Amino acid sequence: MSGDARVGSTARRWEIALACAAAAVVLAAVTIAAIVAVPPTIANLSSEVSDGSAPTDLGGGSVVVPADWVVTRDSADAITVRTPDGALRARLESVDEKPGDVVADAGVGASRSELLASGLTAVHVDLDDGGVVAGVGEPDAAPSVRVVVQVHPAEGDEPAEYRTAIGDLLEGIRR
Protein backbone atom coordinates (compact mmCIF):
# COMPACT_ATOMS: atom_id res chain seq x y z
CA MET A 1 0.00 0.00 0.00
CA SER A 2 1.43 3.39 -0.91
CA GLY A 3 1.68 6.38 1.42
CA ASP A 4 -1.11 8.25 -0.42
CA ALA A 5 -3.58 5.41 0.19
CA ARG A 6 -2.85 5.50 3.93
CA VAL A 7 -3.46 9.24 4.10
CA GLY A 8 -6.82 8.87 2.32
CA SER A 9 -7.79 5.97 4.57
CA THR A 10 -6.91 7.94 7.72
CA ALA A 11 -8.87 10.97 6.51
CA ARG A 12 -11.86 8.74 5.76
CA ARG A 13 -11.75 7.29 9.30
CA TRP A 14 -11.82 10.80 10.77
CA GLU A 15 -14.82 11.71 8.63
CA ILE A 16 -16.68 8.60 9.81
CA ALA A 17 -15.77 9.29 13.46
CA LEU A 18 -16.91 12.92 13.15
CA ALA A 19 -20.20 11.87 11.52
CA CYS A 20 -20.83 9.33 14.31
CA ALA A 21 -20.10 11.96 17.00
CA ALA A 22 -22.48 14.44 15.30
CA ALA A 23 -25.19 11.77 15.12
CA ALA A 24 -24.71 11.03 18.84
CA VAL A 25 -25.06 14.74 19.71
CA VAL A 26 -28.23 15.05 17.61
CA LEU A 27 -29.67 11.90 19.21
CA ALA A 28 -28.89 13.26 22.69
CA ALA A 29 -30.57 16.60 21.86
CA VAL A 30 -33.70 14.88 20.54
CA THR A 31 -33.83 12.65 23.64
CA ILE A 32 -33.58 15.64 26.00
CA ALA A 33 -36.23 17.54 24.04
CA ALA A 34 -38.56 14.52 24.24
CA ILE A 35 -38.00 14.16 28.00
CA VAL A 36 -38.89 17.83 28.50
CA ALA A 37 -41.79 18.11 26.04
CA VAL A 38 -43.62 14.79 26.21
CA PRO A 39 -44.85 14.69 29.87
CA PRO A 40 -46.67 18.07 29.75
CA THR A 41 -48.10 17.17 26.37
CA ILE A 42 -49.49 13.89 27.70
CA ALA A 43 -50.98 15.74 30.69
CA ASN A 44 -52.66 18.22 28.36
CA LEU A 45 -54.24 15.40 26.34
CA SER A 46 -56.53 14.73 29.31
CA SER A 47 -57.31 18.42 29.82
CA GLU A 48 -60.18 20.48 28.49
CA VAL A 49 -61.07 24.15 28.54
CA SER A 50 -64.22 25.01 30.48
CA ASP A 51 -67.01 26.88 28.73
CA GLY A 52 -68.23 28.33 32.04
CA SER A 53 -71.68 26.75 31.84
CA ALA A 54 -71.34 22.95 31.60
CA PRO A 55 -70.86 21.26 34.98
CA THR A 56 -67.91 18.93 35.55
CA ASP A 57 -68.78 15.83 37.59
CA LEU A 58 -67.05 15.60 40.93
CA GLY A 59 -67.93 12.54 42.99
CA GLY A 60 -71.58 12.91 44.03
CA GLY A 61 -71.70 16.54 42.94
CA SER A 62 -70.40 18.83 40.25
CA VAL A 63 -68.66 22.12 39.69
CA VAL A 64 -69.16 24.75 37.02
CA VAL A 65 -65.61 25.89 36.38
CA PRO A 66 -65.25 29.51 35.21
CA ALA A 67 -64.94 30.01 31.45
CA ASP A 68 -61.56 29.48 29.81
CA TRP A 69 -60.06 27.68 32.82
CA VAL A 70 -58.24 24.43 32.08
CA VAL A 71 -59.76 21.32 33.71
CA THR A 72 -57.79 18.10 34.20
CA ARG A 73 -59.54 15.02 35.57
CA ASP A 74 -57.43 13.30 38.24
CA SER A 75 -60.00 10.64 39.21
CA ALA A 76 -63.78 10.21 39.44
CA ASP A 77 -63.71 12.23 42.67
CA ALA A 78 -61.02 14.81 41.87
CA ILE A 79 -60.09 17.43 39.29
CA THR A 80 -57.38 20.04 38.98
CA VAL A 81 -58.22 23.42 37.47
CA ARG A 82 -56.06 26.38 36.54
CA THR A 83 -56.65 29.89 35.32
CA PRO A 84 -55.77 30.75 31.72
CA ASP A 85 -52.63 32.58 32.88
CA GLY A 86 -51.58 29.56 34.96
CA ALA A 87 -51.06 31.62 38.12
CA LEU A 88 -53.90 29.98 40.07
CA ARG A 89 -54.14 26.21 40.38
CA ALA A 90 -56.74 24.41 42.48
CA ARG A 91 -57.41 20.78 43.29
CA LEU A 92 -61.04 19.93 44.02
CA GLU A 93 -61.84 16.59 45.60
CA SER A 94 -65.07 15.08 46.87
CA VAL A 95 -64.41 13.85 50.42
CA ASP A 96 -66.46 12.13 53.11
CA GLU A 97 -65.99 14.94 55.66
CA LYS A 98 -67.88 17.97 56.88
CA PRO A 99 -66.65 21.29 55.44
CA GLY A 100 -65.30 22.38 58.84
CA ASP A 101 -63.33 19.14 59.18
CA VAL A 102 -61.67 19.71 55.80
CA VAL A 103 -60.26 23.01 57.01
CA ALA A 104 -59.38 21.65 60.46
CA ASP A 105 -57.31 18.93 58.76
CA ALA A 106 -55.26 21.66 57.05
CA GLY A 107 -54.14 22.81 60.51
CA VAL A 108 -53.53 26.46 59.65
CA GLY A 109 -55.06 29.62 61.12
CA ALA A 110 -58.59 30.52 62.05
CA SER A 111 -61.29 29.55 59.60
CA ARG A 112 -64.14 31.65 58.24
CA SER A 113 -67.54 30.43 57.13
CA GLU A 114 -69.66 31.90 54.34
CA LEU A 115 -73.04 31.03 52.85
CA LEU A 116 -72.76 30.70 49.08
CA ALA A 117 -75.49 31.65 46.60
CA SER A 118 -76.08 27.93 45.99
CA GLY A 119 -77.08 27.50 49.65
CA LEU A 120 -73.92 25.54 50.44
CA THR A 121 -71.48 26.66 53.11
CA ALA A 122 -67.84 27.41 52.39
CA VAL A 123 -65.51 27.09 55.35
CA HIS A 124 -62.08 28.39 54.39
CA VAL A 125 -58.73 29.50 55.69
CA ASP A 126 -56.14 31.65 53.97
CA LEU A 127 -52.60 30.39 53.59
CA ASP A 128 -49.54 32.60 54.03
CA ASP A 129 -48.61 32.29 50.35
CA GLY A 130 -51.98 33.62 49.12
CA GLY A 131 -53.56 30.20 48.65
CA VAL A 132 -56.74 28.93 50.26
CA VAL A 133 -57.95 25.66 51.77
CA ALA A 134 -61.74 25.33 51.75
CA GLY A 135 -64.46 22.83 52.43
CA VAL A 136 -67.75 23.35 50.59
CA GLY A 137 -70.96 21.50 51.40
CA GLU A 138 -73.83 21.29 53.88
CA PRO A 139 -72.63 22.86 57.15
CA ASP A 140 -72.94 19.82 59.41
CA ALA A 141 -73.02 16.94 56.96
CA ALA A 142 -70.66 14.94 54.82
CA PRO A 143 -69.75 14.70 51.98
CA SER A 144 -68.15 17.94 50.96
CA VAL A 145 -65.66 19.22 48.42
CA ARG A 146 -62.10 19.91 49.54
CA VAL A 147 -60.57 22.78 47.59
CA VAL A 148 -56.86 23.48 47.85
CA VAL A 149 -55.82 26.60 45.95
CA GLN A 150 -52.26 27.63 45.13
CA VAL A 151 -51.57 31.08 43.75
CA HIS A 152 -48.28 31.92 42.06
CA PRO A 153 -48.83 35.26 40.31
CA ALA A 154 -46.44 36.81 37.83
CA GLU A 155 -43.78 39.07 39.26
CA GLY A 156 -45.32 42.36 40.31
CA ASP A 157 -48.81 40.89 40.79
CA GLU A 158 -50.32 40.11 44.18
CA PRO A 159 -52.05 36.86 45.19
CA ALA A 160 -54.98 38.97 46.45
CA GLU A 161 -55.79 39.81 42.82
CA TYR A 162 -57.06 36.23 42.48
CA ARG A 163 -59.61 36.40 45.34
CA THR A 164 -62.49 36.98 42.93
CA ALA A 165 -61.43 33.99 40.84
CA ILE A 166 -61.33 31.81 43.97
CA GLY A 167 -64.81 33.03 44.92
CA ASP A 168 -66.13 32.23 41.42
CA LEU A 169 -64.71 28.73 41.68
CA LEU A 170 -66.28 28.11 45.11
CA GLU A 171 -69.64 29.47 43.90
CA GLY A 172 -69.62 26.95 41.05
CA ILE A 173 -69.66 23.91 43.38
CA ARG A 174 -72.96 21.98 43.51
CA ARG A 175 -73.95 18.96 45.62
C-alpha atoms as a PDB file:
ATOM      1  CA  MET A   1       0.000   0.000   0.000  1.00  0.00           C
ATOM      2  CA  SER A   2       1.428   3.386  -0.910  1.00  0.00           C
ATOM      3  CA  GLY A   3       1.684   6.379   1.415  1.00  0.00           C
ATOM      4  CA  ASP A   4      -1.115   8.248  -0.415  1.00  0.00           C
ATOM      5  CA  ALA A   5      -3.584   5.409   0.195  1.00  0.00           C
ATOM      6  CA  ARG A   6      -2.854   5.496   3.930  1.00  0.00           C
ATOM      7  CA  VAL A   7      -3.457   9.242   4.103  1.00  0.00           C
ATOM      8  CA  GLY A   8      -6.819   8.868   2.319  1.00  0.00           C
ATOM      9  CA  SER A   9      -7.795   5.969   4.575  1.00  0.00           C
ATOM     10  CA  THR A  10      -6.909   7.936   7.724  1.00  0.00           C
ATOM     11  CA  ALA A  11      -8.868  10.965   6.509  1.00  0.00           C
ATOM     12  CA  ARG A  12     -11.858   8.738   5.759  1.00  0.00           C
ATOM     13  CA  ARG A  13     -11.745   7.291   9.299  1.00  0.00           C
ATOM     14  CA  TRP A  14     -11.816  10.801  10.773  1.00  0.00           C
ATOM     15  CA  GLU A  15     -14.819  11.708   8.630  1.00  0.00           C
ATOM     16  CA  ILE A  16     -16.677   8.601   9.810  1.00  0.00           C
ATOM     17  CA  ALA A  17     -15.773   9.286  13.463  1.00  0.00           C
ATOM     18  CA  LEU A  18     -16.905  12.918  13.146  1.00  0.00           C
ATOM     19  CA  ALA A  19     -20.200  11.867  11.517  1.00  0.00           C
ATOM     20  CA  CYS A  20     -20.833   9.331  14.312  1.00  0.00           C
ATOM     21  CA  ALA A  21     -20.103  11.962  17.001  1.00  0.00           C
ATOM     22  CA  ALA A  22     -22.476  14.441  15.296  1.00  0.00           C
ATOM     23  CA  ALA A  23     -25.189  11.775  15.118  1.00  0.00           C
ATOM     24  CA  ALA A  24     -24.713  11.032  18.844  1.00  0.00           C
ATOM     25  CA  VAL A  25     -25.062  14.744  19.710  1.00  0.00           C
ATOM     26  CA  VAL A  26     -28.234  15.051  17.611  1.00  0.00           C
ATOM     27  CA  LEU A  27     -29.668  11.904  19.210  1.00  0.00           C
ATOM     28  CA  ALA A  28     -28.892  13.256  22.693  1.00  0.00           C
ATOM     29  CA  ALA A  29     -30.566  16.599  21.860  1.00  0.00           C
ATOM     30  CA  VAL A  30     -33.699  14.878  20.540  1.00  0.00           C
ATOM     31  CA  THR A  31     -33.834  12.654  23.636  1.00  0.00           C
ATOM     32  CA  ILE A  32     -33.584  15.645  25.997  1.00  0.00           C
ATOM     33  CA  ALA A  33     -36.234  17.536  24.035  1.00  0.00           C
ATOM     34  CA  ALA A  34     -38.557  14.522  24.245  1.00  0.00           C
ATOM     35  CA  ILE A  35     -37.998  14.162  27.998  1.00  0.00           C
ATOM     36  CA  VAL A  36     -38.890  17.832  28.499  1.00  0.00           C
ATOM     37  CA  ALA A  37     -41.789  18.105  26.035  1.00  0.00           C
ATOM     38  CA  VAL A  38     -43.617  14.785  26.209  1.00  0.00           C
ATOM     39  CA  PRO A  39     -44.854  14.688  29.871  1.00  0.00           C
ATOM     40  CA  PRO A  40     -46.667  18.068  29.751  1.00  0.00           C
ATOM     41  CA  THR A  41     -48.104  17.168  26.366  1.00  0.00           C
ATOM     42  CA  ILE A  42     -49.487  13.894  27.699  1.00  0.00           C
ATOM     43  CA  ALA A  43     -50.978  15.740  30.690  1.00  0.00           C
ATOM     44  CA  ASN A  44     -52.661  18.222  28.355  1.00  0.00           C
ATOM     45  CA  LEU A  45     -54.241  15.403  26.341  1.00  0.00           C
ATOM     46  CA  SER A  46     -56.532  14.725  29.305  1.00  0.00           C
ATOM     47  CA  SER A  47     -57.305  18.423  29.818  1.00  0.00           C
ATOM     48  CA  GLU A  48     -60.180  20.483  28.489  1.00  0.00           C
ATOM     49  CA  VAL A  49     -61.067  24.150  28.541  1.00  0.00           C
ATOM     50  CA  SER A  50     -64.217  25.012  30.475  1.00  0.00           C
ATOM     51  CA  ASP A  51     -67.008  26.884  28.727  1.00  0.00           C
ATOM     52  CA  GLY A  52     -68.233  28.330  32.039  1.00  0.00           C
ATOM     53  CA  SER A  53     -71.678  26.745  31.842  1.00  0.00           C
ATOM     54  CA  ALA A  54     -71.340  22.952  31.602  1.00  0.00           C
ATOM     55  CA  PRO A  55     -70.856  21.260  34.980  1.00  0.00           C
ATOM     56  CA  THR A  56     -67.914  18.926  35.552  1.00  0.00           C
ATOM     57  CA  ASP A  57     -68.779  15.828  37.588  1.00  0.00           C
ATOM     58  CA  LEU A  58     -67.052  15.602  40.933  1.00  0.00           C
ATOM     59  CA  GLY A  59     -67.935  12.542  42.987  1.00  0.00           C
ATOM     60  CA  GLY A  60     -71.577  12.913  44.033  1.00  0.00           C
ATOM     61  CA  GLY A  61     -71.703  16.545  42.937  1.00  0.00           C
ATOM     62  CA  SER A  62     -70.405  18.830  40.245  1.00  0.00           C
ATOM     63  CA  VAL A  63     -68.661  22.122  39.691  1.00  0.00           C
ATOM     64  CA  VAL A  64     -69.161  24.745  37.021  1.00  0.00           C
ATOM     65  CA  VAL A  65     -65.611  25.886  36.384  1.00  0.00           C
ATOM     66  CA  PRO A  66     -65.249  29.514  35.214  1.00  0.00           C
ATOM     67  CA  ALA A  67     -64.939  30.014  31.451  1.00  0.00           C
ATOM     68  CA  ASP A  68     -61.556  29.475  29.811  1.00  0.00           C
ATOM     69  CA  TRP A  69     -60.058  27.676  32.822  1.00  0.00           C
ATOM     70  CA  VAL A  70     -58.236  24.426  32.080  1.00  0.00           C
ATOM     71  CA  VAL A  71     -59.764  21.325  33.711  1.00  0.00           C
ATOM     72  CA  THR A  72     -57.792  18.102  34.202  1.00  0.00           C
ATOM     73  CA  ARG A  73     -59.542  15.021  35.575  1.00  0.00           C
ATOM     74  CA  ASP A  74     -57.426  13.297  38.240  1.00  0.00           C
ATOM     75  CA  SER A  75     -60.001  10.642  39.214  1.00  0.00           C
ATOM     76  CA  ALA A  76     -63.779  10.211  39.444  1.00  0.00           C
ATOM     77  CA  ASP A  77     -63.711  12.233  42.674  1.00  0.00           C
ATOM     78  CA  ALA A  78     -61.019  14.814  41.874  1.00  0.00           C
ATOM     79  CA  ILE A  79     -60.086  17.433  39.293  1.00  0.00           C
ATOM     80  CA  THR A  80     -57.379  20.037  38.982  1.00  0.00           C
ATOM     81  CA  VAL A  81     -58.216  23.419  37.471  1.00  0.00           C
ATOM     82  CA  ARG A  82     -56.064  26.376  36.544  1.00  0.00           C
ATOM     83  CA  THR A  83     -56.646  29.888  35.323  1.00  0.00           C
ATOM     84  CA  PRO A  84     -55.770  30.748  31.717  1.00  0.00           C
ATOM     85  CA  ASP A  85     -52.629  32.579  32.884  1.00  0.00           C
ATOM     86  CA  GLY A  86     -51.576  29.557  34.964  1.00  0.00           C
ATOM     87  CA  ALA A  87     -51.062  31.618  38.122  1.00  0.00           C
ATOM     88  CA  LEU A  88     -53.895  29.982  40.073  1.00  0.00           C
ATOM     89  CA  ARG A  89     -54.139  26.208  40.382  1.00  0.00           C
ATOM     90  CA  ALA A  90     -56.743  24.408  42.482  1.00  0.00           C
ATOM     91  CA  ARG A  91     -57.409  20.784  43.286  1.00  0.00           C
ATOM     92  CA  LEU A  92     -61.039  19.926  44.024  1.00  0.00           C
ATOM     93  CA  GLU A  93     -61.835  16.589  45.602  1.00  0.00           C
ATOM     94  CA  SER A  94     -65.070  15.076  46.875  1.00  0.00           C
ATOM     95  CA  VAL A  95     -64.408  13.846  50.424  1.00  0.00           C
ATOM     96  CA  ASP A  96     -66.459  12.134  53.113  1.00  0.00           C
ATOM     97  CA  GLU A  97     -65.987  14.937  55.657  1.00  0.00           C
ATOM     98  CA  LYS A  98     -67.881  17.972  56.879  1.00  0.00           C
ATOM     99  CA  PRO A  99     -66.653  21.293  55.440  1.00  0.00           C
ATOM    100  CA  GLY A 100     -65.300  22.380  58.836  1.00  0.00           C
ATOM    101  CA  ASP A 101     -63.325  19.136  59.184  1.00  0.00           C
ATOM    102  CA  VAL A 102     -61.674  19.714  55.804  1.00  0.00           C
ATOM    103  CA  VAL A 103     -60.261  23.012  57.013  1.00  0.00           C
ATOM    104  CA  ALA A 104     -59.378  21.653  60.460  1.00  0.00           C
ATOM    105  CA  ASP A 105     -57.310  18.928  58.761  1.00  0.00           C
ATOM    106  CA  ALA A 106     -55.265  21.665  57.055  1.00  0.00           C
ATOM    107  CA  GLY A 107     -54.142  22.806  60.510  1.00  0.00           C
ATOM    108  CA  VAL A 108     -53.534  26.455  59.652  1.00  0.00           C
ATOM    109  CA  GLY A 109     -55.057  29.615  61.116  1.00  0.00           C
ATOM    110  CA  ALA A 110     -58.592  30.517  62.049  1.00  0.00           C
ATOM    111  CA  SER A 111     -61.293  29.548  59.597  1.00  0.00           C
ATOM    112  CA  ARG A 112     -64.145  31.654  58.243  1.00  0.00           C
ATOM    113  CA  SER A 113     -67.536  30.429  57.129  1.00  0.00           C
ATOM    114  CA  GLU A 114     -69.664  31.902  54.344  1.00  0.00           C
ATOM    115  CA  LEU A 115     -73.036  31.026  52.853  1.00  0.00           C
ATOM    116  CA  LEU A 116     -72.759  30.696  49.078  1.00  0.00           C
ATOM    117  CA  ALA A 117     -75.495  31.651  46.601  1.00  0.00           C
ATOM    118  CA  SER A 118     -76.081  27.927  45.992  1.00  0.00           C
ATOM    119  CA  GLY A 119     -77.081  27.497  49.648  1.00  0.00           C
ATOM    120  CA  LEU A 120     -73.923  25.538  50.435  1.00  0.00           C
ATOM    121  CA  THR A 121     -71.484  26.657  53.107  1.00  0.00           C
ATOM    122  CA  ALA A 122     -67.835  27.412  52.386  1.00  0.00           C
ATOM    123  CA  VAL A 123     -65.512  27.090  55.349  1.00  0.00           C
ATOM    124  CA  HIS A 124     -62.082  28.386  54.392  1.00  0.00           C
ATOM    125  CA  VAL A 125     -58.734  29.496  55.689  1.00  0.00           C
ATOM    126  CA  ASP A 126     -56.139  31.652  53.967  1.00  0.00           C
ATOM    127  CA  LEU A 127     -52.598  30.389  53.586  1.00  0.00           C
ATOM    128  CA  ASP A 128     -49.542  32.600  54.030  1.00  0.00           C
ATOM    129  CA  ASP A 129     -48.612  32.285  50.348  1.00  0.00           C
ATOM    130  CA  GLY A 130     -51.980  33.615  49.123  1.00  0.00           C
ATOM    131  CA  GLY A 131     -53.556  30.196  48.654  1.00  0.00           C
ATOM    132  CA  VAL A 132     -56.743  28.928  50.264  1.00  0.00           C
ATOM    133  CA  VAL A 133     -57.949  25.663  51.768  1.00  0.00           C
ATOM    134  CA  ALA A 134     -61.736  25.331  51.750  1.00  0.00           C
ATOM    135  CA  GLY A 135     -64.462  22.827  52.429  1.00  0.00           C
ATOM    136  CA  VAL A 136     -67.746  23.353  50.594  1.00  0.00           C
ATOM    137  CA  GLY A 137     -70.956  21.501  51.405  1.00  0.00           C
ATOM    138  CA  GLU A 138     -73.826  21.286  53.880  1.00  0.00           C
ATOM    139  CA  PRO A 139     -72.630  22.863  57.151  1.00  0.00           C
ATOM    140  CA  ASP A 140     -72.937  19.824  59.410  1.00  0.00           C
ATOM    141  CA  ALA A 141     -73.021  16.942  56.961  1.00  0.00           C
ATOM    142  CA  ALA A 142     -70.656  14.940  54.823  1.00  0.00           C
ATOM    143  CA  PRO A 143     -69.754  14.698  51.983  1.00  0.00           C
ATOM    144  CA  SER A 144     -68.153  17.944  50.960  1.00  0.00           C
ATOM    145  CA  VAL A 145     -65.657  19.223  48.422  1.00  0.00           C
ATOM    146  CA  ARG A 146     -62.102  19.907  49.543  1.00  0.00           C
ATOM    147  CA  VAL A 147     -60.573  22.781  47.592  1.00  0.00           C
ATOM    148  CA  VAL A 148     -56.856  23.482  47.854  1.00  0.00           C
ATOM    149  CA  VAL A 149     -55.816  26.599  45.947  1.00  0.00           C
ATOM    150  CA  GLN A 150     -52.257  27.630  45.132  1.00  0.00           C
ATOM    151  CA  VAL A 151     -51.572  31.081  43.748  1.00  0.00           C
ATOM    152  CA  HIS A 152     -48.277  31.917  42.060  1.00  0.00           C
ATOM    153  CA  PRO A 153     -48.827  35.258  40.307  1.00  0.00           C
ATOM    154  CA  ALA A 154     -46.444  36.811  37.833  1.00  0.00           C
ATOM    155  CA  GLU A 155     -43.779  39.067  39.258  1.00  0.00           C
ATOM    156  CA  GLY A 156     -45.322  42.358  40.311  1.00  0.00           C
ATOM    157  CA  ASP A 157     -48.808  40.890  40.788  1.00  0.00           C
ATOM    158  CA  GLU A 158     -50.322  40.112  44.177  1.00  0.00           C
ATOM    159  CA  PRO A 159     -52.046  36.864  45.193  1.00  0.00           C
ATOM    160  CA  ALA A 160     -54.980  38.971  46.455  1.00  0.00           C
ATOM    161  CA  GLU A 161     -55.789  39.812  42.815  1.00  0.00           C
ATOM    162  CA  TYR A 162     -57.063  36.229  42.482  1.00  0.00           C
ATOM    163  CA  ARG A 163     -59.606  36.397  45.343  1.00  0.00           C
ATOM    164  CA  THR A 164     -62.489  36.982  42.927  1.00  0.00           C
ATOM    165  CA  ALA A 165     -61.428  33.987  40.837  1.00  0.00           C
ATOM    166  CA  ILE A 166     -61.334  31.810  43.968  1.00  0.00           C
ATOM    167  CA  GLY A 167     -64.811  33.032  44.916  1.00  0.00           C
ATOM    168  CA  ASP A 168     -66.126  32.235  41.418  1.00  0.00           C
ATOM    169  CA  LEU A 169     -64.715  28.726  41.682  1.00  0.00           C
ATOM    170  CA  LEU A 170     -66.283  28.106  45.110  1.00  0.00           C
ATOM    171  CA  GLU A 171     -69.637  29.467  43.900  1.00  0.00           C
ATOM    172  CA  GLY A 172     -69.617  26.951  41.053  1.00  0.00           C
ATOM    173  CA  ILE A 173     -69.660  23.915  43.376  1.00  0.00           C
ATOM    174  CA  ARG A 174     -72.962  21.985  43.505  1.00  0.00           C
ATOM    175  CA  ARG A 175     -73.949  18.960  45.620  1.00  0.00           C
END
